Amino acid sequence: MTLRNALKTCIPSAIVISLMPCAAADAGVFATMTIDGDFSDWAGVAVVDVDPADNPGYVDIATTQIANDDDFLYIRQTFHGAPTLNTFTSLDVDDNTATGFDVFGLGLIGSEASWQNDFAFTQRTGVFNDGMGMSGDFFGAGHALLAPFGDFGSRELAISRDAVFNRTSTPVFPDDTVTLLFWTDSGAGDVSAPVTYALAVPEPATLNLLAFGGLIALRRRRACRRS
């Protein structure tokens, strides 16, 4: 049995019932998160998906938060219970369910890029892992930075926005929205609703502060030259 068929046969009706159609893009939060297993910097970031407890004893996704800065997409998740390893993050790069890998055959997204925990791999129509991979941070292969690594019931990860597909030399993040699906094939399987997230940009006040800081630094450098 192929992995694709094995995944399709393990989906109970509870998963299908819990799925919701993809809604309008969630407004992004511009923030830089430290991936260290301390989740205090996520305070105030809205939850973009809530998944019910429906895969007891195995990976059972609960809540998802997303933020970004200019360099990284940040994801924080909690789980019903301790198991967290073997969680997949899948990205529909072209926002087209007819292309890319159809997770569990449910028609929710067509995934071109995925991460199993922190390990990056690439997909295409009908192919779970095409073996071509990505280039870019982290470690030159587009892998995620994940903390803590293990079964801890809550985790956070960063994915580099500069990742590029090796097969096509095109960006993994080509525009200002991303559609994500979080899932596992452990136990009976669990799938989040698809989440469409609009990448945030710094607010004008933040940009003004950055510009002001740059002006102060420039004046200091000029003063140093004169002295």
N, C-alpha and C. Protein backbone atom coordinates (compact mmCIF):
# COMPACT_ATOMS: atom_id res chain seq x y z
N MET A 1 0.85 -1.20 0.00
CA MET A 1 0.00 0.00 0.00
C MET A 1 0.88 1.24 0.00
N THR A 2 0.59 2.18 -0.85
CA THR A 2 1.38 3.42 -0.88
C THR A 2 1.07 4.26 0.35
N LEU A 3 1.99 5.17 0.67
CA LEU A 3 1.77 6.07 1.80
C LEU A 3 0.51 6.87 1.58
N ARG A 4 0.30 7.36 0.34
CA ARG A 4 -0.90 8.16 0.04
C ARG A 4 -2.16 7.38 0.37
N ASN A 5 -2.22 6.10 -0.07
CA ASN A 5 -3.42 5.30 0.19
C ASN A 5 -3.54 4.95 1.65
N ALA A 6 -2.40 4.70 2.32
CA ALA A 6 -2.43 4.39 3.75
C ALA A 6 -2.98 5.56 4.53
N LEU A 7 -2.57 6.77 4.17
CA LEU A 7 -3.07 7.94 4.86
C LEU A 7 -4.56 8.11 4.64
N LYS A 8 -5.02 7.87 3.41
CA LYS A 8 -6.43 8.06 3.11
C LYS A 8 -7.31 7.08 3.87
N THR A 9 -6.82 5.84 4.09
CA THR A 9 -7.65 4.84 4.73
C THR A 9 -7.73 5.01 6.22
N CYS A 10 -6.85 5.81 6.83
CA CYS A 10 -6.82 5.92 8.28
C CYS A 10 -7.65 7.08 8.79
N ILE A 11 -8.36 7.81 7.95
CA ILE A 11 -9.09 9.00 8.39
C ILE A 11 -10.47 8.61 8.92
N PRO A 12 -10.71 8.80 10.22
CA PRO A 12 -12.04 8.54 10.76
C PRO A 12 -12.98 9.68 10.44
N SER A 13 -14.28 9.41 10.57
CA SER A 13 -15.26 10.44 10.26
C SER A 13 -15.13 11.64 11.17
N ALA A 14 -14.61 11.45 12.40
CA ALA A 14 -14.47 12.57 13.34
C ALA A 14 -13.58 13.65 12.78
N ILE A 15 -12.53 13.24 12.04
CA ILE A 15 -11.62 14.23 11.46
C ILE A 15 -12.35 15.04 10.41
N VAL A 16 -13.07 14.36 9.53
CA VAL A 16 -13.75 15.06 8.45
C VAL A 16 -14.79 16.02 9.01
N ILE A 17 -15.51 15.59 10.05
CA ILE A 17 -16.52 16.45 10.65
C ILE A 17 -15.90 17.70 11.23
N SER A 18 -14.67 17.57 11.79
CA SER A 18 -14.05 18.71 12.47
C SER A 18 -13.47 19.73 11.51
N LEU A 19 -13.35 19.37 10.23
CA LEU A 19 -12.72 20.27 9.28
C LEU A 19 -13.68 21.39 8.88
N MET A 20 -13.10 22.58 8.68
CA MET A 20 -13.89 23.74 8.28
C MET A 20 -13.36 24.28 6.97
N PRO A 21 -14.18 24.86 6.13
CA PRO A 21 -13.69 25.45 4.89
C PRO A 21 -12.69 26.56 5.18
N CYS A 22 -11.77 26.75 4.27
CA CYS A 22 -10.78 27.81 4.45
C CYS A 22 -11.45 29.17 4.34
N ALA A 23 -11.26 30.00 5.38
CA ALA A 23 -11.89 31.31 5.42
C ALA A 23 -10.94 32.35 4.86
N ALA A 24 -11.36 33.61 4.97
CA ALA A 24 -10.50 34.70 4.53
C ALA A 24 -9.20 34.68 5.31
N ALA A 25 -8.17 35.29 4.74
CA ALA A 25 -6.85 35.26 5.36
C ALA A 25 -6.87 35.91 6.73
N ASP A 26 -6.24 35.22 7.70
CA ASP A 26 -6.07 35.81 9.02
C ASP A 26 -5.06 36.94 8.94
N ALA A 27 -5.40 38.07 9.55
CA ALA A 27 -4.49 39.22 9.53
C ALA A 27 -3.20 38.85 10.25
N GLY A 28 -2.09 39.12 9.61
CA GLY A 28 -0.80 38.74 10.17
C GLY A 28 -0.38 39.60 11.35
N VAL A 29 0.53 39.05 12.14
CA VAL A 29 1.14 39.76 13.27
C VAL A 29 2.63 39.89 12.99
N PHE A 30 3.12 41.13 12.92
CA PHE A 30 4.54 41.33 12.68
C PHE A 30 5.26 41.30 14.02
N ALA A 31 6.07 40.28 14.21
CA ALA A 31 6.82 40.12 15.46
C ALA A 31 7.99 39.19 15.21
N THR A 32 9.03 39.35 16.00
CA THR A 32 10.18 38.45 15.96
C THR A 32 10.16 37.59 17.21
N MET A 33 10.07 36.28 17.02
CA MET A 33 10.01 35.35 18.12
C MET A 33 11.35 34.67 18.34
N THR A 34 11.70 34.46 19.58
CA THR A 34 12.90 33.70 19.92
C THR A 34 12.50 32.25 20.09
N ILE A 35 13.09 31.37 19.29
CA ILE A 35 12.72 29.95 19.31
C ILE A 35 13.56 29.26 20.39
N ASP A 36 13.00 29.27 21.60
CA ASP A 36 13.74 28.75 22.75
C ASP A 36 12.89 27.95 23.71
N GLY A 37 11.62 27.71 23.35
CA GLY A 37 10.74 26.96 24.23
C GLY A 37 10.10 27.80 25.32
N ASP A 38 10.41 29.09 25.36
CA ASP A 38 9.75 30.03 26.26
C ASP A 38 8.70 30.76 25.43
N PHE A 39 7.43 30.56 25.75
CA PHE A 39 6.34 31.04 24.89
C PHE A 39 5.79 32.40 25.32
N SER A 40 6.47 33.08 26.24
CA SER A 40 5.95 34.35 26.74
C SER A 40 5.86 35.41 25.65
N ASP A 41 6.72 35.32 24.62
CA ASP A 41 6.67 36.32 23.55
C ASP A 41 5.48 36.13 22.61
N TRP A 42 4.70 35.06 22.81
CA TRP A 42 3.49 34.85 22.02
C TRP A 42 2.25 35.48 22.66
N ALA A 43 2.42 36.08 23.82
CA ALA A 43 1.28 36.71 24.48
C ALA A 43 0.68 37.78 23.58
N GLY A 44 -0.62 37.76 23.42
CA GLY A 44 -1.29 38.75 22.58
C GLY A 44 -1.43 38.37 21.13
N VAL A 45 -0.77 37.28 20.68
CA VAL A 45 -0.91 36.82 19.30
C VAL A 45 -2.15 35.94 19.21
N ALA A 46 -3.05 36.26 18.30
CA ALA A 46 -4.33 35.56 18.22
C ALA A 46 -4.15 34.11 17.80
N VAL A 47 -5.02 33.26 18.29
CA VAL A 47 -5.09 31.87 17.85
C VAL A 47 -5.82 31.83 16.52
N VAL A 48 -5.22 31.20 15.51
CA VAL A 48 -5.82 31.17 14.17
C VAL A 48 -6.56 29.87 13.89
N ASP A 49 -6.34 28.86 14.72
CA ASP A 49 -7.06 27.60 14.53
C ASP A 49 -7.17 26.87 15.86
N VAL A 50 -8.36 26.32 16.12
CA VAL A 50 -8.60 25.49 17.31
C VAL A 50 -9.10 24.14 16.82
N ASP A 51 -8.41 23.08 17.19
CA ASP A 51 -8.76 21.73 16.75
C ASP A 51 -9.20 20.92 17.96
N PRO A 52 -10.32 20.19 17.87
CA PRO A 52 -10.81 19.44 19.04
C PRO A 52 -9.93 18.23 19.35
N ALA A 53 -10.08 17.73 20.56
CA ALA A 53 -9.38 16.50 20.96
C ALA A 53 -10.04 15.32 20.27
N ASP A 54 -9.32 14.69 19.32
CA ASP A 54 -9.93 13.61 18.55
C ASP A 54 -8.93 12.53 18.14
N ASN A 55 -7.73 12.55 18.73
CA ASN A 55 -6.74 11.52 18.43
C ASN A 55 -6.02 11.13 19.72
N PRO A 56 -6.75 10.63 20.72
CA PRO A 56 -6.18 10.41 22.06
C PRO A 56 -5.01 9.44 22.06
N GLY A 57 -3.98 9.81 22.82
CA GLY A 57 -2.80 8.96 22.95
C GLY A 57 -1.75 9.18 21.88
N TYR A 58 -2.08 9.98 20.87
CA TYR A 58 -1.15 10.26 19.78
C TYR A 58 -1.09 11.77 19.57
N VAL A 59 -0.39 12.20 18.54
CA VAL A 59 -0.35 13.63 18.24
C VAL A 59 -1.77 14.12 18.02
N ASP A 60 -2.19 15.10 18.82
CA ASP A 60 -3.56 15.59 18.79
C ASP A 60 -3.51 17.12 18.87
N ILE A 61 -3.57 17.75 17.71
CA ILE A 61 -3.37 19.20 17.61
C ILE A 61 -4.48 19.94 18.34
N ALA A 62 -4.12 21.01 19.06
CA ALA A 62 -5.11 21.81 19.79
C ALA A 62 -5.20 23.21 19.19
N THR A 63 -4.24 24.08 19.47
CA THR A 63 -4.31 25.47 19.00
C THR A 63 -3.08 25.82 18.16
N THR A 64 -3.26 26.79 17.29
CA THR A 64 -2.17 27.27 16.44
C THR A 64 -2.15 28.79 16.44
N GLN A 65 -0.97 29.37 16.62
CA GLN A 65 -0.73 30.80 16.47
C GLN A 65 0.34 30.99 15.41
N ILE A 66 0.26 32.09 14.67
CA ILE A 66 1.23 32.39 13.61
C ILE A 66 1.62 33.86 13.68
N ALA A 67 2.90 34.13 13.47
CA ALA A 67 3.41 35.49 13.35
C ALA A 67 4.54 35.47 12.32
N ASN A 68 5.02 36.63 11.95
CA ASN A 68 6.13 36.70 11.01
C ASN A 68 6.90 37.99 11.18
N ASP A 69 8.12 37.99 10.69
CA ASP A 69 8.86 39.23 10.46
C ASP A 69 9.36 39.18 9.03
N ASP A 70 10.32 40.02 8.68
CA ASP A 70 10.78 40.05 7.29
C ASP A 70 11.51 38.78 6.88
N ASP A 71 12.01 38.03 7.86
CA ASP A 71 12.87 36.89 7.55
C ASP A 71 12.24 35.53 7.79
N PHE A 72 11.32 35.44 8.75
CA PHE A 72 10.83 34.13 9.15
C PHE A 72 9.31 34.11 9.35
N LEU A 73 8.73 32.94 9.14
CA LEU A 73 7.36 32.64 9.55
C LEU A 73 7.46 31.85 10.84
N TYR A 74 6.73 32.31 11.87
CA TYR A 74 6.78 31.67 13.19
C TYR A 74 5.45 30.98 13.46
N ILE A 75 5.52 29.78 14.03
CA ILE A 75 4.33 29.00 14.35
C ILE A 75 4.46 28.48 15.77
N ARG A 76 3.42 28.66 16.55
CA ARG A 76 3.37 28.08 17.89
C ARG A 76 2.12 27.21 17.98
N GLN A 77 2.28 25.99 18.50
CA GLN A 77 1.15 25.09 18.62
C GLN A 77 1.09 24.46 20.01
N THR A 78 -0.14 24.20 20.46
CA THR A 78 -0.35 23.39 21.65
C THR A 78 -1.07 22.12 21.23
N PHE A 79 -1.01 21.13 22.09
CA PHE A 79 -1.55 19.81 21.77
C PHE A 79 -2.38 19.28 22.93
N HIS A 80 -3.36 18.44 22.61
CA HIS A 80 -4.11 17.72 23.63
C HIS A 80 -3.26 16.53 24.07
N GLY A 81 -2.53 16.67 25.16
CA GLY A 81 -1.63 15.61 25.59
C GLY A 81 -0.20 15.92 25.18
N ALA A 82 0.71 15.04 25.57
CA ALA A 82 2.14 15.30 25.40
C ALA A 82 2.67 15.06 24.00
N PRO A 83 2.26 14.00 23.28
CA PRO A 83 2.93 13.72 21.99
C PRO A 83 2.84 14.89 21.01
N THR A 84 3.98 15.27 20.45
CA THR A 84 4.02 16.34 19.45
C THR A 84 4.86 15.95 18.23
N LEU A 85 5.81 15.05 18.41
CA LEU A 85 6.63 14.64 17.28
C LEU A 85 5.78 13.91 16.25
N ASN A 86 6.19 13.99 15.02
CA ASN A 86 5.46 13.49 13.85
C ASN A 86 4.28 14.40 13.50
N THR A 87 4.46 15.70 13.75
CA THR A 87 3.50 16.69 13.27
C THR A 87 4.03 17.29 11.97
N PHE A 88 3.18 17.37 10.97
CA PHE A 88 3.55 17.92 9.68
C PHE A 88 2.98 19.33 9.54
N THR A 89 3.78 20.21 8.95
CA THR A 89 3.34 21.53 8.51
C THR A 89 3.43 21.55 7.00
N SER A 90 2.31 21.73 6.31
CA SER A 90 2.29 21.70 4.85
C SER A 90 1.85 23.04 4.29
N LEU A 91 2.48 23.46 3.21
CA LEU A 91 2.28 24.78 2.64
C LEU A 91 1.83 24.67 1.18
N ASP A 92 0.68 25.29 0.90
CA ASP A 92 0.17 25.36 -0.47
C ASP A 92 0.73 26.63 -1.10
N VAL A 93 1.81 26.50 -1.84
CA VAL A 93 2.55 27.66 -2.35
C VAL A 93 1.74 28.46 -3.35
N ASP A 94 1.04 27.77 -4.26
CA ASP A 94 0.29 28.48 -5.31
C ASP A 94 -1.19 28.64 -4.98
N ASP A 95 -1.58 28.26 -3.76
CA ASP A 95 -2.97 28.40 -3.32
C ASP A 95 -3.93 27.74 -4.30
N ASN A 96 -3.55 26.54 -4.75
CA ASN A 96 -4.35 25.80 -5.73
C ASN A 96 -4.45 24.36 -5.24
N THR A 97 -5.64 23.95 -4.84
CA THR A 97 -5.81 22.60 -4.32
C THR A 97 -5.66 21.52 -5.39
N ALA A 98 -5.69 21.92 -6.67
CA ALA A 98 -5.57 20.95 -7.75
C ALA A 98 -4.12 20.59 -8.05
N THR A 99 -3.18 21.34 -7.50
CA THR A 99 -1.76 21.04 -7.70
C THR A 99 -1.13 20.77 -6.33
N GLY A 100 -0.03 20.06 -6.34
CA GLY A 100 0.62 19.72 -5.08
C GLY A 100 0.01 18.48 -4.46
N PHE A 101 0.55 18.09 -3.30
CA PHE A 101 0.13 16.86 -2.64
C PHE A 101 -1.17 17.09 -1.87
N ASP A 102 -2.15 16.24 -2.12
CA ASP A 102 -3.46 16.32 -1.48
C ASP A 102 -3.43 15.51 -0.19
N VAL A 103 -3.26 16.19 0.94
CA VAL A 103 -3.10 15.52 2.23
C VAL A 103 -4.35 14.71 2.55
N PHE A 104 -4.18 13.41 2.78
CA PHE A 104 -5.26 12.48 3.10
C PHE A 104 -6.32 12.41 2.00
N GLY A 105 -6.08 13.02 0.84
CA GLY A 105 -7.07 13.00 -0.23
C GLY A 105 -8.33 13.78 0.09
N LEU A 106 -8.21 14.76 0.99
CA LEU A 106 -9.38 15.51 1.45
C LEU A 106 -9.65 16.77 0.63
N GLY A 107 -8.74 17.13 -0.26
CA GLY A 107 -8.95 18.31 -1.09
C GLY A 107 -8.86 19.63 -0.33
N LEU A 108 -8.15 19.64 0.80
CA LEU A 108 -8.05 20.85 1.60
C LEU A 108 -6.97 21.79 1.08
N ILE A 109 -5.82 21.25 0.75
CA ILE A 109 -4.75 22.03 0.12
C ILE A 109 -4.01 21.13 -0.86
N GLY A 110 -3.24 21.77 -1.75
CA GLY A 110 -2.30 21.05 -2.58
C GLY A 110 -0.90 21.48 -2.14
N SER A 111 -0.23 20.65 -1.37
CA SER A 111 1.01 21.04 -0.72
C SER A 111 2.22 20.86 -1.62
N GLU A 112 3.03 21.93 -1.71
CA GLU A 112 4.30 21.85 -2.43
C GLU A 112 5.50 21.81 -1.49
N ALA A 113 5.32 22.26 -0.26
CA ALA A 113 6.42 22.27 0.71
C ALA A 113 5.90 21.80 2.06
N SER A 114 6.66 20.95 2.72
CA SER A 114 6.24 20.44 4.03
C SER A 114 7.44 20.31 4.96
N TRP A 115 7.11 20.31 6.24
CA TRP A 115 8.11 20.08 7.29
C TRP A 115 7.55 19.02 8.23
N GLN A 116 8.29 17.92 8.40
CA GLN A 116 7.94 16.94 9.42
C GLN A 116 8.73 17.30 10.66
N ASN A 117 8.06 17.84 11.66
CA ASN A 117 8.73 18.50 12.77
C ASN A 117 9.58 19.63 12.21
N ASP A 118 10.91 19.48 12.17
CA ASP A 118 11.78 20.53 11.63
C ASP A 118 12.36 20.17 10.26
N PHE A 119 12.09 18.97 9.78
CA PHE A 119 12.73 18.48 8.55
C PHE A 119 11.95 18.90 7.32
N ALA A 120 12.60 19.64 6.43
CA ALA A 120 11.94 20.16 5.23
C ALA A 120 12.01 19.15 4.08
N PHE A 121 10.91 19.06 3.33
CA PHE A 121 10.91 18.28 2.10
C PHE A 121 9.90 18.88 1.14
N THR A 122 9.96 18.48 -0.10
CA THR A 122 9.11 19.09 -1.13
C THR A 122 8.19 18.05 -1.75
N GLN A 123 7.06 18.54 -2.27
CA GLN A 123 6.02 17.68 -2.78
C GLN A 123 5.52 18.21 -4.13
N ARG A 124 4.81 17.36 -4.82
CA ARG A 124 4.13 17.79 -6.04
C ARG A 124 2.91 16.90 -6.23
N THR A 125 2.15 17.15 -7.26
CA THR A 125 0.89 16.45 -7.45
C THR A 125 1.09 14.94 -7.43
N GLY A 126 0.44 14.27 -6.49
CA GLY A 126 0.51 12.82 -6.38
C GLY A 126 1.77 12.28 -5.75
N VAL A 127 2.69 13.15 -5.33
CA VAL A 127 3.97 12.70 -4.78
C VAL A 127 4.16 13.26 -3.39
N PHE A 128 4.25 12.39 -2.40
CA PHE A 128 4.41 12.81 -1.01
C PHE A 128 5.74 13.50 -0.77
N ASN A 129 6.81 12.96 -1.31
CA ASN A 129 8.15 13.55 -1.19
C ASN A 129 8.87 13.34 -2.51
N ASP A 130 9.10 14.44 -3.25
CA ASP A 130 9.72 14.29 -4.56
C ASP A 130 11.24 14.21 -4.50
N GLY A 131 11.82 14.34 -3.29
CA GLY A 131 13.24 14.16 -3.11
C GLY A 131 14.11 15.30 -3.57
N MET A 132 13.50 16.40 -4.05
CA MET A 132 14.28 17.50 -4.59
C MET A 132 14.70 18.49 -3.51
N GLY A 133 13.88 18.72 -2.54
CA GLY A 133 14.25 19.55 -1.41
C GLY A 133 14.30 21.04 -1.71
N MET A 134 14.79 21.79 -0.70
CA MET A 134 14.87 23.24 -0.76
C MET A 134 16.29 23.69 -0.44
N SER A 135 16.52 24.97 -0.68
CA SER A 135 17.76 25.63 -0.26
C SER A 135 17.40 26.85 0.58
N GLY A 136 18.27 27.20 1.52
CA GLY A 136 18.04 28.36 2.38
C GLY A 136 18.17 27.99 3.83
N ASP A 137 18.10 29.00 4.69
CA ASP A 137 18.13 28.73 6.13
C ASP A 137 16.96 27.83 6.48
N PHE A 138 17.06 26.96 7.44
CA PHE A 138 18.22 26.74 8.31
C PHE A 138 19.07 25.59 7.74
N PHE A 139 20.39 25.68 8.02
CA PHE A 139 21.35 24.66 7.64
C PHE A 139 21.40 24.45 6.14
N GLY A 140 21.02 25.47 5.38
CA GLY A 140 21.16 25.43 3.94
C GLY A 140 20.10 24.64 3.19
N ALA A 141 19.15 24.04 3.91
CA ALA A 141 18.18 23.17 3.26
C ALA A 141 16.74 23.53 3.58
N GLY A 142 16.51 24.73 4.11
CA GLY A 142 15.15 25.17 4.38
C GLY A 142 14.49 24.51 5.56
N HIS A 143 15.27 23.82 6.41
CA HIS A 143 14.69 23.19 7.58
C HIS A 143 14.18 24.24 8.55
N ALA A 144 13.28 23.83 9.44
CA ALA A 144 12.74 24.73 10.46
C ALA A 144 13.62 24.69 11.70
N LEU A 145 13.54 25.75 12.47
CA LEU A 145 14.14 25.78 13.81
C LEU A 145 13.01 25.49 14.78
N LEU A 146 13.16 24.44 15.59
CA LEU A 146 12.09 23.93 16.44
C LEU A 146 12.53 23.85 17.89
N ALA A 147 11.67 24.30 18.80
CA ALA A 147 11.94 24.16 20.23
C ALA A 147 10.61 24.06 20.98
N PRO A 148 10.58 23.22 22.02
CA PRO A 148 11.58 22.19 22.31
C PRO A 148 11.43 21.03 21.34
N PHE A 149 12.47 20.26 21.15
CA PHE A 149 12.40 19.11 20.26
C PHE A 149 12.08 17.89 21.12
N GLY A 150 10.86 17.42 21.02
CA GLY A 150 10.44 16.28 21.83
C GLY A 150 8.95 16.38 22.09
N ASP A 151 8.46 15.51 22.96
CA ASP A 151 7.04 15.45 23.27
C ASP A 151 6.77 16.27 24.53
N PHE A 152 6.43 17.55 24.34
CA PHE A 152 6.26 18.46 25.46
C PHE A 152 4.89 19.15 25.49
N GLY A 153 4.02 18.87 24.56
CA GLY A 153 2.68 19.41 24.60
C GLY A 153 2.53 20.82 24.04
N SER A 154 3.63 21.51 23.81
CA SER A 154 3.60 22.83 23.20
C SER A 154 4.94 23.06 22.53
N ARG A 155 4.92 23.74 21.39
CA ARG A 155 6.17 23.94 20.67
C ARG A 155 6.08 25.18 19.79
N GLU A 156 7.24 25.64 19.34
CA GLU A 156 7.30 26.78 18.42
C GLU A 156 8.37 26.50 17.38
N LEU A 157 8.17 27.05 16.19
CA LEU A 157 9.15 26.85 15.14
C LEU A 157 9.23 28.08 14.25
N ALA A 158 10.36 28.22 13.60
CA ALA A 158 10.59 29.29 12.64
C ALA A 158 10.97 28.67 11.30
N ILE A 159 10.37 29.20 10.23
CA ILE A 159 10.65 28.76 8.87
C ILE A 159 11.16 29.96 8.09
N SER A 160 12.28 29.80 7.42
CA SER A 160 12.89 30.91 6.69
C SER A 160 12.07 31.28 5.46
N ARG A 161 11.80 32.57 5.31
CA ARG A 161 11.03 33.05 4.15
C ARG A 161 11.89 33.16 2.89
N ASP A 162 13.19 32.91 3.00
CA ASP A 162 14.02 32.99 1.80
C ASP A 162 14.25 31.62 1.15
N ALA A 163 13.55 30.57 1.63
CA ALA A 163 13.74 29.23 1.08
C ALA A 163 13.34 29.19 -0.40
N VAL A 164 14.05 28.36 -1.15
CA VAL A 164 13.86 28.25 -2.61
C VAL A 164 13.75 26.77 -2.97
N PHE A 165 12.84 26.44 -3.88
CA PHE A 165 12.74 25.07 -4.37
C PHE A 165 13.94 24.73 -5.24
N ASN A 166 14.59 23.61 -4.95
CA ASN A 166 15.74 23.20 -5.77
C ASN A 166 15.32 22.84 -7.19
N ARG A 167 14.14 22.26 -7.34
CA ARG A 167 13.71 21.77 -8.65
C ARG A 167 13.44 22.90 -9.63
N THR A 168 12.91 24.03 -9.14
CA THR A 168 12.50 25.11 -10.03
C THR A 168 13.21 26.43 -9.79
N SER A 169 14.00 26.50 -8.70
CA SER A 169 14.67 27.75 -8.30
C SER A 169 13.68 28.88 -8.06
N THR A 170 12.48 28.54 -7.64
CA THR A 170 11.46 29.53 -7.34
C THR A 170 11.24 29.59 -5.82
N PRO A 171 10.74 30.73 -5.32
CA PRO A 171 10.61 30.89 -3.87
C PRO A 171 9.49 30.04 -3.27
N VAL A 172 9.72 29.56 -2.07
CA VAL A 172 8.71 28.83 -1.33
C VAL A 172 7.62 29.79 -0.84
N PHE A 173 8.00 31.06 -0.61
CA PHE A 173 7.05 32.10 -0.20
C PHE A 173 7.01 33.16 -1.30
N PRO A 174 6.20 32.96 -2.36
CA PRO A 174 6.24 33.86 -3.51
C PRO A 174 5.43 35.14 -3.36
N ASP A 175 4.48 35.18 -2.40
CA ASP A 175 3.64 36.37 -2.28
C ASP A 175 3.32 36.63 -0.82
N ASP A 176 2.32 37.47 -0.57
CA ASP A 176 2.08 37.96 0.79
C ASP A 176 1.03 37.16 1.56
N THR A 177 0.61 36.02 1.05
CA THR A 177 -0.27 35.13 1.81
C THR A 177 0.26 33.70 1.74
N VAL A 178 -0.02 32.94 2.79
CA VAL A 178 0.35 31.53 2.81
C VAL A 178 -0.85 30.73 3.30
N THR A 179 -1.04 29.56 2.72
CA THR A 179 -2.08 28.64 3.18
C THR A 179 -1.41 27.40 3.74
N LEU A 180 -1.72 27.10 4.99
CA LEU A 180 -1.05 26.05 5.74
C LEU A 180 -2.04 25.01 6.21
N LEU A 181 -1.55 23.77 6.36
CA LEU A 181 -2.32 22.70 6.97
C LEU A 181 -1.39 21.97 7.94
N PHE A 182 -1.91 21.67 9.11
CA PHE A 182 -1.14 20.96 10.14
C PHE A 182 -1.79 19.60 10.34
N TRP A 183 -0.98 18.54 10.36
CA TRP A 183 -1.57 17.21 10.38
C TRP A 183 -0.58 16.17 10.89
N THR A 184 -1.10 14.99 11.17
CA THR A 184 -0.28 13.86 11.55
C THR A 184 -0.92 12.58 11.02
N ASP A 185 -0.09 11.58 10.76
CA ASP A 185 -0.61 10.26 10.40
C ASP A 185 -0.44 9.28 11.54
N SER A 186 -0.08 9.76 12.74
CA SER A 186 0.04 8.88 13.88
C SER A 186 -1.35 8.58 14.45
N GLY A 187 -1.49 7.39 15.03
CA GLY A 187 -2.79 6.99 15.55
C GLY A 187 -3.82 6.93 14.44
N ALA A 188 -4.99 7.49 14.70
CA ALA A 188 -6.05 7.53 13.68
C ALA A 188 -5.88 8.70 12.73
N GLY A 189 -4.89 9.57 13.00
CA GLY A 189 -4.66 10.73 12.18
C GLY A 189 -5.39 11.95 12.72
N ASP A 190 -4.84 13.13 12.44
CA ASP A 190 -5.45 14.38 12.87
C ASP A 190 -5.09 15.45 11.86
N VAL A 191 -6.05 16.31 11.55
CA VAL A 191 -5.86 17.36 10.55
C VAL A 191 -6.49 18.65 11.07
N SER A 192 -5.74 19.74 10.97
CA SER A 192 -6.32 21.05 11.29
C SER A 192 -7.20 21.51 10.13
N ALA A 193 -7.90 22.59 10.34
CA ALA A 193 -8.50 23.29 9.21
C ALA A 193 -7.39 23.99 8.44
N PRO A 194 -7.54 24.19 7.13
CA PRO A 194 -6.54 24.99 6.41
C PRO A 194 -6.55 26.42 6.92
N VAL A 195 -5.38 26.98 7.10
CA VAL A 195 -5.22 28.33 7.63
C VAL A 195 -4.57 29.20 6.56
N THR A 196 -5.26 30.25 6.13
CA THR A 196 -4.69 31.21 5.20
C THR A 196 -4.27 32.44 5.99
N TYR A 197 -2.98 32.73 5.93
CA TYR A 197 -2.38 33.77 6.77
C TYR A 197 -1.79 34.86 5.88
N ALA A 198 -2.15 36.11 6.16
CA ALA A 198 -1.60 37.24 5.41
C ALA A 198 -0.35 37.74 6.11
N LEU A 199 0.77 37.65 5.43
CA LEU A 199 2.05 38.07 6.01
C LEU A 199 1.98 39.55 6.38
N ALA A 200 2.39 39.85 7.60
CA ALA A 200 2.33 41.21 8.12
C ALA A 200 3.57 42.00 7.75
N VAL A 201 3.41 43.31 7.71
CA VAL A 201 4.53 44.24 7.53
C VAL A 201 4.60 45.13 8.76
N PRO A 202 5.76 45.75 9.03
CA PRO A 202 5.85 46.61 10.21
C PRO A 202 4.83 47.74 10.15
N GLU A 203 4.23 48.06 11.28
CA GLU A 203 3.31 49.19 11.34
C GLU A 203 4.08 50.49 11.14
N PRO A 204 3.42 51.54 10.63
CA PRO A 204 4.12 52.82 10.38
C PRO A 204 4.89 53.34 11.58
N ALA A 205 4.34 53.17 12.77
CA ALA A 205 5.05 53.65 13.97
C ALA A 205 6.36 52.92 14.15
N THR A 206 6.35 51.62 13.84
CA THR A 206 7.58 50.83 13.95
C THR A 206 8.59 51.28 12.91
N LEU A 207 8.11 51.52 11.68
CA LEU A 207 9.01 51.98 10.63
C LEU A 207 9.62 53.33 10.99
N ASN A 208 8.79 54.23 11.54
CA ASN A 208 9.30 55.54 11.94
C ASN A 208 10.35 55.40 13.04
N LEU A 209 10.12 54.49 13.96
CA LEU A 209 11.08 54.28 15.04
C LEU A 209 12.40 53.74 14.49
N LEU A 210 12.28 52.80 13.53
CA LEU A 210 13.49 52.26 12.92
C LEU A 210 14.24 53.35 12.15
N ALA A 211 13.49 54.18 11.43
CA ALA A 211 14.13 55.27 10.68
C ALA A 211 14.80 56.26 11.63
N PHE A 212 14.11 56.56 12.74
CA PHE A 212 14.68 57.48 13.72
C PHE A 212 15.95 56.91 14.32
N GLY A 213 15.93 55.62 14.63
CA GLY A 213 17.12 54.97 15.16
C GLY A 213 18.27 55.01 14.18
N GLY A 214 17.94 54.81 12.88
CA GLY A 214 18.99 54.88 11.86
C GLY A 214 19.55 56.28 11.73
N LEU A 215 18.70 57.31 11.87
CA LEU A 215 19.16 58.70 11.79
C LEU A 215 20.09 59.02 12.94
N ILE A 216 19.75 58.57 14.15
CA ILE A 216 20.60 58.81 15.31
C ILE A 216 21.96 58.14 15.11
N ALA A 217 21.93 56.88 14.59
CA ALA A 217 23.19 56.18 14.36
C ALA A 217 24.04 56.90 13.33
N LEU A 218 23.40 57.44 12.27
CA LEU A 218 24.13 58.16 11.23
C LEU A 218 24.77 59.42 11.82
N ARG A 219 24.03 60.16 12.63
CA ARG A 219 24.58 61.37 13.25
C ARG A 219 25.75 61.05 14.16
N ARG A 220 25.65 59.92 14.87
CA ARG A 220 26.75 59.54 15.75
C ARG A 220 27.99 59.20 14.95
N ARG A 221 27.80 58.50 13.82
CA ARG A 221 28.96 58.17 12.98
C ARG A 221 29.61 59.43 12.42
N ARG A 222 28.78 60.40 12.00
CA ARG A 222 29.34 61.66 11.49
C ARG A 222 30.08 62.43 12.56
N ALA A 223 29.53 62.41 13.79
CA ALA A 223 30.19 63.09 14.89
C ALA A 223 31.54 62.45 15.20
N CYS A 224 31.59 61.13 15.11
CA CYS A 224 32.84 60.42 15.36
C CYS A 224 33.89 60.78 14.31
N ARG A 225 33.45 60.93 13.03
CA ARG A 225 34.41 61.30 11.99
C ARG A 225 34.98 62.68 12.24
N ARG A 226 34.12 63.63 12.68
CA ARG A 226 34.59 64.99 12.90
C ARG A 226 35.61 65.05 14.06
N SER A 227 35.37 64.21 15.05
CA SER A 227 36.27 64.23 16.19
C SER A 227 37.58 63.51 15.87
